[in-house]
Amino acid sequence: MNKPSSPDSNKGAQANPGAAPTGYEQLKRRLRLLFLVFTIIGLCVYAILGENGLLDVYKIKGEKEGIVRENATLEAENKRLAREVELLKTDKRYIAKVARKELGMIGEDEILYKIKDDDQPKP
């Protein structure tokens, strides 16, 4: 009599999960692992050196800090100029002071003396 085929009767054709892998299976595993390792390394390199990578982030962060410092300086300058504009609109003594300093003007009751320095050699 013939024995009916059972699923266990084809054991020789199927790989045994507990058996040691063959050379081809080991090679496939190593190639998969190697591919995975190189993929991870490639992604890491791209994350650091690629477009919008860590190096670009640090560069942009430095630029931002410089712009923030420059902005603070400009804001202080704007406040100083706004105060000066207000003084020029309202304070006559400040206007006279600026006129003397920047334009070399003198008041009506002031006398200008020019002193000649003889110690300078003549050209």
PDB file of N, CA and C in Angstrom:
ATOM      1  N   MET A   1       0.801  -1.170   0.000  1.00  0.00           N
ATOM      2  CA  MET A   1       0.000   0.000   0.000  1.00  0.00           C
ATOM      3  C   MET A   1       0.856   1.251   0.000  1.00  0.00           C
ATOM      4  N   ASN A   2       0.292   2.205  -0.637  1.00  0.00           N
ATOM      5  CA  ASN A   2       0.998   3.475  -0.677  1.00  0.00           C
ATOM      6  C   ASN A   2       0.568   4.333   0.487  1.00  0.00           C
ATOM      7  N   LYS A   3       1.567   4.950   1.054  1.00  0.00           N
ATOM      8  CA  LYS A   3       1.282   5.876   2.154  1.00  0.00           C
ATOM      9  C   LYS A   3       0.805   7.199   1.565  1.00  0.00           C
ATOM     10  N   PRO A   4      -0.195   7.794   2.161  1.00  0.00           N
ATOM     11  CA  PRO A   4      -0.627   9.103   1.677  1.00  0.00           C
ATOM     12  C   PRO A   4       0.451  10.149   1.987  1.00  0.00           C
ATOM     13  N   SER A   5       0.544  11.143   1.126  1.00  0.00           N
ATOM     14  CA  SER A   5       1.521  12.215   1.325  1.00  0.00           C
ATOM     15  C   SER A   5       1.072  13.102   2.464  1.00  0.00           C
ATOM     16  N   SER A   6       1.962  13.286   3.352  1.00  0.00           N
ATOM     17  CA  SER A   6       1.677  14.204   4.454  1.00  0.00           C
ATOM     18  C   SER A   6       2.607  15.407   4.323  1.00  0.00           C
ATOM     19  N   PRO A   7       2.251  16.481   4.952  1.00  0.00           N
ATOM     20  CA  PRO A   7       3.100  17.671   4.851  1.00  0.00           C
ATOM     21  C   PRO A   7       4.484  17.396   5.404  1.00  0.00           C
ATOM     22  N   ASP A   8       4.619  16.489   6.357  1.00  0.00           N
ATOM     23  CA  ASP A   8       5.928  16.210   6.934  1.00  0.00           C
ATOM     24  C   ASP A   8       6.789  15.379   6.009  1.00  0.00           C
ATOM     25  N   SER A   9       6.205  14.748   5.007  1.00  0.00           N
ATOM     26  CA  SER A   9       6.979  13.871   4.135  1.00  0.00           C
ATOM     27  C   SER A   9       7.863  14.658   3.179  1.00  0.00           C
ATOM     28  N   ASN A  10       7.627  15.966   3.002  1.00  0.00           N
ATOM     29  CA  ASN A  10       8.438  16.794   2.100  1.00  0.00           C
ATOM     30  C   ASN A  10       9.509  17.571   2.868  1.00  0.00           C
ATOM     31  N   LYS A  11       9.951  17.114   4.004  1.00  0.00           N
ATOM     32  CA  LYS A  11      10.938  17.809   4.820  1.00  0.00           C
ATOM     33  C   LYS A  11      12.239  18.035   4.070  1.00  0.00           C
ATOM     34  N   GLY A  12      12.644  17.147   3.243  1.00  0.00           N
ATOM     35  CA  GLY A  12      13.905  17.272   2.528  1.00  0.00           C
ATOM     36  C   GLY A  12      13.881  18.426   1.547  1.00  0.00           C
ATOM     37  N   ALA A  13      12.741  18.793   1.005  1.00  0.00           N
ATOM     38  CA  ALA A  13      12.646  19.864   0.022  1.00  0.00           C
ATOM     39  C   ALA A  13      12.586  21.226   0.680  1.00  0.00           C
ATOM     40  N   GLN A  14      12.138  21.304   1.936  1.00  0.00           N
ATOM     41  CA  GLN A  14      12.014  22.587   2.630  1.00  0.00           C
ATOM     42  C   GLN A  14      13.232  22.817   3.498  1.00  0.00           C
ATOM     43  N   ALA A  15      13.566  24.106   3.719  1.00  0.00           N
ATOM     44  CA  ALA A  15      14.681  24.441   4.599  1.00  0.00           C
ATOM     45  C   ALA A  15      14.241  24.220   6.029  1.00  0.00           C
ATOM     46  N   ASN A  16      15.104  23.673   6.806  1.00  0.00           N
ATOM     47  CA  ASN A  16      14.824  23.409   8.212  1.00  0.00           C
ATOM     48  C   ASN A  16      15.156  24.671   8.994  1.00  0.00           C
ATOM     49  N   PRO A  17      14.182  25.249   9.706  1.00  0.00           N
ATOM     50  CA  PRO A  17      14.442  26.508  10.407  1.00  0.00           C
ATOM     51  C   PRO A  17      15.525  26.359  11.463  1.00  0.00           C
ATOM     52  N   GLY A  18      15.684  25.235  12.065  1.00  0.00           N
ATOM     53  CA  GLY A  18      16.689  25.073  13.108  1.00  0.00           C
ATOM     54  C   GLY A  18      18.048  24.699  12.561  1.00  0.00           C
ATOM     55  N   ALA A  19      18.141  24.395  11.284  1.00  0.00           N
ATOM     56  CA  ALA A  19      19.407  23.949  10.689  1.00  0.00           C
ATOM     57  C   ALA A  19      20.298  25.148  10.403  1.00  0.00           C
ATOM     58  N   ALA A  20      21.592  24.928  10.310  1.00  0.00           N
ATOM     59  CA  ALA A  20      22.555  25.985  10.009  1.00  0.00           C
ATOM     60  C   ALA A  20      22.298  26.490   8.595  1.00  0.00           C
ATOM     61  N   PRO A  21      22.393  27.818   8.380  1.00  0.00           N
ATOM     62  CA  PRO A  21      22.135  28.368   7.057  1.00  0.00           C
ATOM     63  C   PRO A  21      23.223  27.929   6.072  1.00  0.00           C
ATOM     64  N   THR A  22      22.818  27.806   4.854  1.00  0.00           N
ATOM     65  CA  THR A  22      23.764  27.419   3.810  1.00  0.00           C
ATOM     66  C   THR A  22      24.629  28.621   3.453  1.00  0.00           C
ATOM     67  N   GLY A  23      25.634  28.415   2.644  1.00  0.00           N
ATOM     68  CA  GLY A  23      26.534  29.491   2.244  1.00  0.00           C
ATOM     69  C   GLY A  23      25.804  30.598   1.495  1.00  0.00           C
ATOM     70  N   TYR A  24      24.860  30.220   0.644  1.00  0.00           N
ATOM     71  CA  TYR A  24      24.099  31.203  -0.106  1.00  0.00           C
ATOM     72  C   TYR A  24      23.240  32.056   0.828  1.00  0.00           C
ATOM     73  N   GLU A  25      22.614  31.427   1.820  1.00  0.00           N
ATOM     74  CA  GLU A  25      21.778  32.163   2.772  1.00  0.00           C
ATOM     75  C   GLU A  25      22.627  33.098   3.630  1.00  0.00           C
ATOM     76  N   GLN A  26      23.803  32.651   4.005  1.00  0.00           N
ATOM     77  CA  GLN A  26      24.702  33.520   4.779  1.00  0.00           C
ATOM     78  C   GLN A  26      25.110  34.729   3.948  1.00  0.00           C
ATOM     79  N   LEU A  27      25.410  34.501   2.681  1.00  0.00           N
ATOM     80  CA  LEU A  27      25.784  35.589   1.788  1.00  0.00           C
ATOM     81  C   LEU A  27      24.636  36.595   1.649  1.00  0.00           C
ATOM     82  N   LYS A  28      23.408  36.081   1.476  1.00  0.00           N
ATOM     83  CA  LYS A  28      22.243  36.965   1.381  1.00  0.00           C
ATOM     84  C   LYS A  28      22.096  37.803   2.650  1.00  0.00           C
ATOM     85  N   ARG A  29      22.252  37.178   3.810  1.00  0.00           N
ATOM     86  CA  ARG A  29      22.142  37.896   5.080  1.00  0.00           C
ATOM     87  C   ARG A  29      23.203  38.975   5.189  1.00  0.00           C
ATOM     88  N   ARG A  30      24.430  38.640   4.826  1.00  0.00           N
ATOM     89  CA  ARG A  30      25.527  39.607   4.919  1.00  0.00           C
ATOM     90  C   ARG A  30      25.302  40.768   3.952  1.00  0.00           C
ATOM     91  N   LEU A  31      24.831  40.445   2.756  1.00  0.00           N
ATOM     92  CA  LEU A  31      24.562  41.513   1.794  1.00  0.00           C
ATOM     93  C   LEU A  31      23.438  42.431   2.279  1.00  0.00           C
ATOM     94  N   ARG A  32      22.407  41.884   2.867  1.00  0.00           N
ATOM     95  CA  ARG A  32      21.317  42.706   3.436  1.00  0.00           C
ATOM     96  C   ARG A  32      21.854  43.594   4.550  1.00  0.00           C
ATOM     97  N   LEU A  33      22.665  43.009   5.424  1.00  0.00           N
ATOM     98  CA  LEU A  33      23.236  43.772   6.537  1.00  0.00           C
ATOM     99  C   LEU A  33      24.156  44.868   6.003  1.00  0.00           C
ATOM    100  N   LEU A  34      24.974  44.537   5.030  1.00  0.00           N
ATOM    101  CA  LEU A  34      25.880  45.519   4.429  1.00  0.00           C
ATOM    102  C   LEU A  34      25.084  46.645   3.768  1.00  0.00           C
ATOM    103  N   PHE A  35      24.033  46.289   3.054  1.00  0.00           N
ATOM    104  CA  PHE A  35      23.176  47.296   2.430  1.00  0.00           C
ATOM    105  C   PHE A  35      22.558  48.206   3.492  1.00  0.00           C
ATOM    106  N   LEU A  36      22.076  47.624   4.563  1.00  0.00           N
ATOM    107  CA  LEU A  36      21.472  48.395   5.647  1.00  0.00           C
ATOM    108  C   LEU A  36      22.496  49.332   6.281  1.00  0.00           C
ATOM    109  N   VAL A  37      23.697  48.834   6.539  1.00  0.00           N
ATOM    110  CA  VAL A  37      24.740  49.657   7.157  1.00  0.00           C
ATOM    111  C   VAL A  37      25.096  50.826   6.239  1.00  0.00           C
ATOM    112  N   PHE A  38      25.311  50.566   4.941  1.00  0.00           N
ATOM    113  CA  PHE A  38      25.653  51.650   4.024  1.00  0.00           C
ATOM    114  C   PHE A  38      24.512  52.634   3.855  1.00  0.00           C
ATOM    115  N   THR A  39      23.296  52.161   3.900  1.00  0.00           N
ATOM    116  CA  THR A  39      22.147  53.063   3.820  1.00  0.00           C
ATOM    117  C   THR A  39      22.111  53.994   5.030  1.00  0.00           C
ATOM    118  N   ILE A  40      22.325  53.440   6.203  1.00  0.00           N
ATOM    119  CA  ILE A  40      22.329  54.251   7.426  1.00  0.00           C
ATOM    120  C   ILE A  40      23.474  55.256   7.395  1.00  0.00           C
ATOM    121  N   ILE A  41      24.662  54.811   6.970  1.00  0.00           N
ATOM    122  CA  ILE A  41      25.807  55.720   6.883  1.00  0.00           C
ATOM    123  C   ILE A  41      25.513  56.832   5.869  1.00  0.00           C
ATOM    124  N   GLY A  42      24.938  56.471   4.736  1.00  0.00           N
ATOM    125  CA  GLY A  42      24.594  57.474   3.728  1.00  0.00           C
ATOM    126  C   GLY A  42      23.605  58.495   4.249  1.00  0.00           C
ATOM    127  N   LEU A  43      22.603  58.035   4.968  1.00  0.00           N
ATOM    128  CA  LEU A  43      21.621  58.966   5.540  1.00  0.00           C
ATOM    129  C   LEU A  43      22.258  59.884   6.569  1.00  0.00           C
ATOM    130  N   CYS A  44      23.164  59.340   7.371  1.00  0.00           N
ATOM    131  CA  CYS A  44      23.853  60.167   8.376  1.00  0.00           C
ATOM    132  C   CYS A  44      24.714  61.235   7.702  1.00  0.00           C
ATOM    133  N   VAL A  45      25.451  60.846   6.678  1.00  0.00           N
ATOM    134  CA  VAL A  45      26.287  61.811   5.957  1.00  0.00           C
ATOM    135  C   VAL A  45      25.409  62.886   5.323  1.00  0.00           C
ATOM    136  N   TYR A  46      24.301  62.487   4.717  1.00  0.00           N
ATOM    137  CA  TYR A  46      23.397  63.469   4.112  1.00  0.00           C
ATOM    138  C   TYR A  46      22.807  64.395   5.174  1.00  0.00           C
ATOM    139  N   ALA A  47      22.478  63.848   6.340  1.00  0.00           N
ATOM    140  CA  ALA A  47      21.905  64.671   7.413  1.00  0.00           C
ATOM    141  C   ALA A  47      22.906  65.711   7.915  1.00  0.00           C
ATOM    142  N   ILE A  48      24.187  65.394   7.821  1.00  0.00           N
ATOM    143  CA  ILE A  48      25.206  66.328   8.299  1.00  0.00           C
ATOM    144  C   ILE A  48      25.641  67.283   7.194  1.00  0.00           C
ATOM    145  N   LEU A  49      25.950  66.750   6.022  1.00  0.00           N
ATOM    146  CA  LEU A  49      26.537  67.553   4.961  1.00  0.00           C
ATOM    147  C   LEU A  49      25.559  67.983   3.886  1.00  0.00           C
ATOM    148  N   GLY A  50      24.405  67.367   3.807  1.00  0.00           N
ATOM    149  CA  GLY A  50      23.463  67.632   2.729  1.00  0.00           C
ATOM    150  C   GLY A  50      22.794  68.988   2.832  1.00  0.00           C
ATOM    151  N   GLU A  51      21.953  69.245   1.847  1.00  0.00           N
ATOM    152  CA  GLU A  51      21.202  70.489   1.836  1.00  0.00           C
ATOM    153  C   GLU A  51      20.324  70.550   3.081  1.00  0.00           C
ATOM    154  N   ASN A  52      20.382  71.674   3.777  1.00  0.00           N
ATOM    155  CA  ASN A  52      19.668  71.868   5.050  1.00  0.00           C
ATOM    156  C   ASN A  52      20.126  70.868   6.112  1.00  0.00           C
ATOM    157  N   GLY A  53      21.363  70.433   6.029  1.00  0.00           N
ATOM    158  CA  GLY A  53      21.922  69.523   7.021  1.00  0.00           C
ATOM    159  C   GLY A  53      22.387  70.281   8.249  1.00  0.00           C
ATOM    160  N   LEU A  54      23.047  69.578   9.142  1.00  0.00           N
ATOM    161  CA  LEU A  54      23.491  70.189  10.394  1.00  0.00           C
ATOM    162  C   LEU A  54      24.458  71.336  10.157  1.00  0.00           C
ATOM    163  N   LEU A  55      25.358  71.199   9.188  1.00  0.00           N
ATOM    164  CA  LEU A  55      26.294  72.292   8.922  1.00  0.00           C
ATOM    165  C   LEU A  55      25.569  73.546   8.476  1.00  0.00           C
ATOM    166  N   ASP A  56      24.570  73.391   7.625  1.00  0.00           N
ATOM    167  CA  ASP A  56      23.777  74.551   7.207  1.00  0.00           C
ATOM    168  C   ASP A  56      23.009  75.154   8.383  1.00  0.00           C
ATOM    169  N   VAL A  57      22.510  74.310   9.250  1.00  0.00           N
ATOM    170  CA  VAL A  57      21.764  74.798  10.421  1.00  0.00           C
ATOM    171  C   VAL A  57      22.672  75.641  11.309  1.00  0.00           C
ATOM    172  N   TYR A  58      23.902  75.171  11.561  1.00  0.00           N
ATOM    173  CA  TYR A  58      24.832  75.943  12.395  1.00  0.00           C
ATOM    174  C   TYR A  58      25.223  77.249  11.717  1.00  0.00           C
ATOM    175  N   LYS A  59      25.405  77.210  10.405  1.00  0.00           N
ATOM    176  CA  LYS A  59      25.752  78.425   9.665  1.00  0.00           C
ATOM    177  C   LYS A  59      24.614  79.444   9.762  1.00  0.00           C
ATOM    178  N   ILE A  60      23.397  78.991   9.558  1.00  0.00           N
ATOM    179  CA  ILE A  60      22.238  79.881   9.614  1.00  0.00           C
ATOM    180  C   ILE A  60      22.039  80.419  11.033  1.00  0.00           C
ATOM    181  N   LYS A  61      22.312  79.579  12.026  1.00  0.00           N
ATOM    182  CA  LYS A  61      22.182  80.025  13.420  1.00  0.00           C
ATOM    183  C   LYS A  61      23.164  81.162  13.706  1.00  0.00           C
ATOM    184  N   GLY A  62      24.395  81.041  13.211  1.00  0.00           N
ATOM    185  CA  GLY A  62      25.382  82.111  13.388  1.00  0.00           C
ATOM    186  C   GLY A  62      24.962  83.386  12.682  1.00  0.00           C
ATOM    187  N   GLU A  63      24.429  83.251  11.466  1.00  0.00           N
ATOM    188  CA  GLU A  63      23.950  84.421  10.736  1.00  0.00           C
ATOM    189  C   GLU A  63      22.802  85.091  11.481  1.00  0.00           C
ATOM    190  N   LYS A  64      21.919  84.278  12.043  1.00  0.00           N
ATOM    191  CA  LYS A  64      20.777  84.828  12.778  1.00  0.00           C
ATOM    192  C   LYS A  64      21.254  85.625  13.986  1.00  0.00           C
ATOM    193  N   GLU A  65      22.245  85.089  14.712  1.00  0.00           N
ATOM    194  CA  GLU A  65      22.760  85.808  15.884  1.00  0.00           C
ATOM    195  C   GLU A  65      23.362  87.145  15.487  1.00  0.00           C
ATOM    196  N   GLY A  66      24.074  87.184  14.352  1.00  0.00           N
ATOM    197  CA  GLY A  66      24.638  88.439  13.868  1.00  0.00           C
ATOM    198  C   GLY A  66      23.551  89.437  13.498  1.00  0.00           C
ATOM    199  N   ILE A  67      22.504  88.953  12.863  1.00  0.00           N
ATOM    200  CA  ILE A  67      21.394  89.828  12.472  1.00  0.00           C
ATOM    201  C   ILE A  67      20.667  90.359  13.706  1.00  0.00           C
ATOM    202  N   VAL A  68      20.507  89.514  14.716  1.00  0.00           N
ATOM    203  CA  VAL A  68      19.842  89.960  15.950  1.00  0.00           C
ATOM    204  C   VAL A  68      20.667  91.051  16.626  1.00  0.00           C
ATOM    205  N   ARG A  69      22.004  90.875  16.662  1.00  0.00           N
ATOM    206  CA  ARG A  69      22.864  91.911  17.260  1.00  0.00           C
ATOM    207  C   ARG A  69      22.777  93.215  16.466  1.00  0.00           C
ATOM    208  N   GLU A  70      22.823  93.111  15.147  1.00  0.00           N
ATOM    209  CA  GLU A  70      22.733  94.297  14.304  1.00  0.00           C
ATOM    210  C   GLU A  70      21.379  94.979  14.480  1.00  0.00           C
ATOM    211  N   ASN A  71      20.326  94.194  14.611  1.00  0.00           N
ATOM    212  CA  ASN A  71      18.988  94.739  14.821  1.00  0.00           C
ATOM    213  C   ASN A  71      18.918  95.516  16.134  1.00  0.00           C
ATOM    214  N   ALA A  72      19.517  94.961  17.185  1.00  0.00           N
ATOM    215  CA  ALA A  72      19.519  95.647  18.484  1.00  0.00           C
ATOM    216  C   ALA A  72      20.279  96.968  18.385  1.00  0.00           C
ATOM    217  N   THR A  73      21.390  96.959  17.665  1.00  0.00           N
ATOM    218  CA  THR A  73      22.165  98.191  17.480  1.00  0.00           C
ATOM    219  C   THR A  73      21.349  99.229  16.719  1.00  0.00           C
ATOM    220  N   LEU A  74      20.672  98.799  15.676  1.00  0.00           N
ATOM    221  CA  LEU A  74      19.864  99.735  14.882  1.00  0.00           C
ATOM    222  C   LEU A  74      18.675 100.275  15.681  1.00  0.00           C
ATOM    223  N   GLU A  75      18.077  99.437  16.508  1.00  0.00           N
ATOM    224  CA  GLU A  75      16.970  99.912  17.345  1.00  0.00           C
ATOM    225  C   GLU A  75      17.445 100.979  18.324  1.00  0.00           C
ATOM    226  N   ALA A  76      18.627 100.769  18.927  1.00  0.00           N
ATOM    227  CA  ALA A  76      19.172 101.774  19.842  1.00  0.00           C
ATOM    228  C   ALA A  76      19.461 103.075  19.096  1.00  0.00           C
ATOM    229  N   GLU A  77      20.013 102.978  17.892  1.00  0.00           N
ATOM    230  CA  GLU A  77      20.294 104.159  17.083  1.00  0.00           C
ATOM    231  C   GLU A  77      18.993 104.885  16.722  1.00  0.00           C
ATOM    232  N   ASN A  78      17.956 104.136  16.385  1.00  0.00           N
ATOM    233  CA  ASN A  78      16.656 104.747  16.070  1.00  0.00           C
ATOM    234  C   ASN A  78      16.086 105.500  17.267  1.00  0.00           C
ATOM    235  N   LYS A  79      16.209 104.910  18.459  1.00  0.00           N
ATOM    236  CA  LYS A  79      15.708 105.589  19.666  1.00  0.00           C
ATOM    237  C   LYS A  79      16.480 106.875  19.917  1.00  0.00           C
ATOM    238  N   ARG A  80      17.810 106.825  19.736  1.00  0.00           N
ATOM    239  CA  ARG A  80      18.634 108.016  19.951  1.00  0.00           C
ATOM    240  C   ARG A  80      18.235 109.109  18.956  1.00  0.00           C
ATOM    241  N   LEU A  81      18.051 108.722  17.693  1.00  0.00           N
ATOM    242  CA  LEU A  81      17.667 109.705  16.684  1.00  0.00           C
ATOM    243  C   LEU A  81      16.266 110.267  16.929  1.00  0.00           C
ATOM    244  N   ALA A  82      15.363 109.433  17.414  1.00  0.00           N
ATOM    245  CA  ALA A  82      14.009 109.920  17.725  1.00  0.00           C
ATOM    246  C   ALA A  82      14.058 110.951  18.850  1.00  0.00           C
ATOM    247  N   ARG A  83      14.914 110.694  19.858  1.00  0.00           N
ATOM    248  CA  ARG A  83      15.071 111.678  20.941  1.00  0.00           C
ATOM    249  C   ARG A  83      15.657 112.982  20.405  1.00  0.00           C
ATOM    250  N   GLU A  84      16.651 112.870  19.517  1.00  0.00           N
ATOM    251  CA  GLU A  84      17.272 114.064  18.950  1.00  0.00           C
ATOM    252  C   GLU A  84      16.273 114.851  18.098  1.00  0.00           C
ATOM    253  N   VAL A  85      15.453 114.171  17.337  1.00  0.00           N
ATOM    254  CA  VAL A  85      14.434 114.843  16.526  1.00  0.00           C
ATOM    255  C   VAL A  85      13.472 115.595  17.434  1.00  0.00           C
ATOM    256  N   GLU A  86      13.066 114.954  18.522  1.00  0.00           N
ATOM    257  CA  GLU A  86      12.149 115.604  19.469  1.00  0.00           C
ATOM    258  C   GLU A  86      12.787 116.853  20.082  1.00  0.00           C
ATOM    259  N   LEU A  87      14.082 116.760  20.434  1.00  0.00           N
ATOM    260  CA  LEU A  87      14.778 117.928  20.981  1.00  0.00           C
ATOM    261  C   LEU A  87      14.889 119.040  19.933  1.00  0.00           C
ATOM    262  N   LEU A  88      15.167 118.682  18.693  1.00  0.00           N
ATOM    263  CA  LEU A  88      15.282 119.692  17.641  1.00  0.00           C
ATOM    264  C   LEU A  88      13.936 120.371  17.362  1.00  0.00           C
ATOM    265  N   LYS A  89      12.848 119.674  17.601  1.00  0.00           N
ATOM    266  CA  LYS A  89      11.526 120.265  17.412  1.00  0.00           C
ATOM    267  C   LYS A  89      11.126 121.186  18.559  1.00  0.00           C
ATOM    268  N   THR A  90      11.603 120.900  19.780  1.00  0.00           N
ATOM    269  CA  THR A  90      11.052 121.578  20.950  1.00  0.00           C
ATOM    270  C   THR A  90      12.049 122.408  21.756  1.00  0.00           C
ATOM    271  N   ASP A  91      13.334 122.116  21.719  1.00  0.00           N
ATOM    272  CA  ASP A  91      14.300 122.755  22.627  1.00  0.00           C
ATOM    273  C   ASP A  91      15.197 123.733  21.862  1.00  0.00           C
ATOM    274  N   LYS A  92      14.992 125.041  22.099  1.00  0.00           N
ATOM    275  CA  LYS A  92      15.763 126.070  21.383  1.00  0.00           C
ATOM    276  C   LYS A  92      17.228 126.065  21.797  1.00  0.00           C
ATOM    277  N   ARG A  93      17.511 125.775  23.060  1.00  0.00           N
ATOM    278  CA  ARG A  93      18.917 125.729  23.490  1.00  0.00           C
ATOM    279  C   ARG A  93      19.656 124.571  22.802  1.00  0.00           C
ATOM    280  N   TYR A  94      18.972 123.444  22.604  1.00  0.00           N
ATOM    281  CA  TYR A  94      19.598 122.307  21.927  1.00  0.00           C
ATOM    282  C   TYR A  94      19.855 122.656  20.460  1.00  0.00           C
ATOM    283  N   ILE A  95      18.916 123.361  19.848  1.00  0.00           N
ATOM    284  CA  ILE A  95      19.087 123.781  18.456  1.00  0.00           C
ATOM    285  C   ILE A  95      20.320 124.680  18.340  1.00  0.00           C
ATOM    286  N   ALA A  96      20.461 125.627  19.271  1.00  0.00           N
ATOM    287  CA  ALA A  96      21.621 126.537  19.254  1.00  0.00           C
ATOM    288  C   ALA A  96      22.921 125.750  19.453  1.00  0.00           C
ATOM    289  N   LYS A  97      22.902 124.791  20.334  1.00  0.00           N
ATOM    290  CA  LYS A  97      24.094 123.972  20.584  1.00  0.00           C
ATOM    291  C   LYS A  97      24.504 123.209  19.324  1.00  0.00           C
ATOM    292  N   VAL A  98      23.531 122.623  18.641  1.00  0.00           N
ATOM    293  CA  VAL A  98      23.817 121.865  17.421  1.00  0.00           C
ATOM    294  C   VAL A  98      24.320 122.815  16.333  1.00  0.00           C
ATOM    295  N   ALA A  99      23.728 123.990  16.235  1.00  0.00           N
ATOM    296  CA  ALA A  99      24.153 124.970  15.230  1.00  0.00           C
ATOM    297  C   ALA A  99      25.600 125.391  15.472  1.00  0.00           C
ATOM    298  N   ARG A 100      25.971 125.608  16.718  1.00  0.00           N
ATOM    299  CA  ARG A 100      27.356 125.980  17.040  1.00  0.00           C
ATOM    300  C   ARG A 100      28.319 124.844  16.701  1.00  0.00           C
ATOM    301  N   LYS A 101      27.937 123.653  17.104  1.00  0.00           N
ATOM    302  CA  LYS A 101      28.840 122.516  16.960  1.00  0.00           C
ATOM    303  C   LYS A 101      28.990 122.083  15.507  1.00  0.00           C
ATOM    304  N   GLU A 102      27.889 121.927  14.804  1.00  0.00           N
ATOM    305  CA  GLU A 102      27.934 121.350  13.463  1.00  0.00           C
ATOM    306  C   GLU A 102      28.098 122.391  12.360  1.00  0.00           C
ATOM    307  N   LEU A 103      27.601 123.588  12.591  1.00  0.00           N
ATOM    308  CA  LEU A 103      27.643 124.604  11.538  1.00  0.00           C
ATOM    309  C   LEU A 103      28.635 125.728  11.839  1.00  0.00           C
ATOM    310  N   GLY A 104      29.219 125.736  13.021  1.00  0.00           N
ATOM    311  CA  GLY A 104      30.197 126.768  13.376  1.00  0.00           C
ATOM    312  C   GLY A 104      29.569 128.136  13.563  1.00  0.00           C
ATOM    313  N   MET A 105      28.305 128.205  13.910  1.00  0.00           N
ATOM    314  CA  MET A 105      27.607 129.475  14.073  1.00  0.00           C
ATOM    315  C   MET A 105      27.883 130.042  15.472  1.00  0.00           C
ATOM    316  N   ILE A 106      27.661 131.357  15.575  1.00  0.00           N
ATOM    317  CA  ILE A 106      27.784 132.017  16.872  1.00  0.00           C
ATOM    318  C   ILE A 106      26.498 132.790  17.141  1.00  0.00           C
ATOM    319  N   GLY A 107      26.275 133.097  18.424  1.00  0.00           N
ATOM    320  CA  GLY A 107      25.078 133.835  18.800  1.00  0.00           C
ATOM    321  C   GLY A 107      25.245 135.322  18.514  1.00  0.00           C
ATOM    322  N   GLU A 108      24.133 136.100  18.658  1.00  0.00           N
ATOM    323  CA  GLU A 108      24.160 137.532  18.375  1.00  0.00           C
ATOM    324  C   GLU A 108      25.055 138.278  19.338  1.00  0.00           C
ATOM    325  N   ASP A 109      25.097 137.876  20.581  1.00  0.00           N
ATOM    326  CA  ASP A 109      25.891 138.602  21.574  1.00  0.00           C
ATOM    327  C   ASP A 109      27.264 137.965  21.800  1.00  0.00           C
ATOM    328  N   GLU A 110      27.692 137.104  20.900  1.00  0.00           N
ATOM    329  CA  GLU A 110      28.980 136.437  21.047  1.00  0.00           C
ATOM    330  C   GLU A 110      29.986 137.045  20.075  1.00  0.00           C
ATOM    331  N   ILE A 111      31.254 136.967  20.462  1.00  0.00           N
ATOM    332  CA  ILE A 111      32.338 137.469  19.622  1.00  0.00           C
ATOM    333  C   ILE A 111      33.257 136.296  19.309  1.00  0.00           C
ATOM    334  N   LEU A 112      33.654 136.200  18.056  1.00  0.00           N
ATOM    335  CA  LEU A 112      34.521 135.118  17.617  1.00  0.00           C
ATOM    336  C   LEU A 112      35.940 135.643  17.497  1.00  0.00           C
ATOM    337  N   TYR A 113      36.856 135.007  18.189  1.00  0.00           N
ATOM    338  CA  TYR A 113      38.264 135.351  18.117  1.00  0.00           C
ATOM    339  C   TYR A 113      38.999 134.250  17.362  1.00  0.00           C
ATOM    340  N   LYS A 114      39.776 134.653  16.358  1.00  0.00           N
ATOM    341  CA  LYS A 114      40.609 133.702  15.631  1.00  0.00           C
ATOM    342  C   LYS A 114      42.040 133.938  16.071  1.00  0.00           C
ATOM    343  N   ILE A 115      42.668 132.890  16.550  1.00  0.00           N
ATOM    344  CA  ILE A 115      44.037 132.995  17.038  1.00  0.00           C
ATOM    345  C   ILE A 115      44.940 132.301  16.019  1.00  0.00           C
ATOM    346  N   LYS A 116      45.916 133.067  15.562  1.00  0.00           N
ATOM    347  CA  LYS A 116      46.844 132.545  14.576  1.00  0.00           C
ATOM    348  C   LYS A 116      47.994 131.883  15.319  1.00  0.00           C
ATOM    349  N   ASP A 117      48.335 130.665  14.905  1.00  0.00           N
ATOM    350  CA  ASP A 117      49.412 129.930  15.547  1.00  0.00           C
ATOM    351  C   ASP A 117      50.680 130.110  14.734  1.00  0.00           C
ATOM    352  N   ASP A 118      51.685 130.805  15.305  1.00  0.00           N
ATOM    353  CA  ASP A 118      52.931 131.101  14.584  1.00  0.00           C
ATOM    354  C   ASP A 118      53.906 129.938  14.632  1.00  0.00           C
ATOM    355  N   ASP A 119      53.637 128.946  15.438  1.00  0.00           N
ATOM    356  CA  ASP A 119      54.563 127.818  15.570  1.00  0.00           C
ATOM    357  C   ASP A 119      54.521 126.881  14.372  1.00  0.00           C
ATOM    358  N   GLN A 120      53.531 126.993  13.563  1.00  0.00           N
ATOM    359  CA  GLN A 120      53.423 126.104  12.402  1.00  0.00           C
ATOM    360  C   GLN A 120      54.331 126.598  11.283  1.00  0.00           C
ATOM    361  N   PRO A 121      55.056 125.673  10.643  1.00  0.00           N
ATOM    362  CA  PRO A 121      55.928 126.099   9.542  1.00  0.00           C
ATOM    363  C   PRO A 121      55.106 126.550   8.336  1.00  0.00           C
ATOM    364  N   LYS A 122      55.616 127.525   7.625  1.00  0.00           N
ATOM    365  CA  LYS A 122      54.916 128.032   6.436  1.00  0.00           C
ATOM    366  C   LYS A 122      55.242 127.148   5.245  1.00  0.00           C
ATOM    367  N   PRO A 123      54.269 126.888   4.436  1.00  0.00           N
ATOM    368  CA  PRO A 123      54.506 126.026   3.272  1.00  0.00           C
ATOM    369  C   PRO A 123      55.264 126.694   2.156  1.00  0.00           C
TER     370      PRO A 123
END
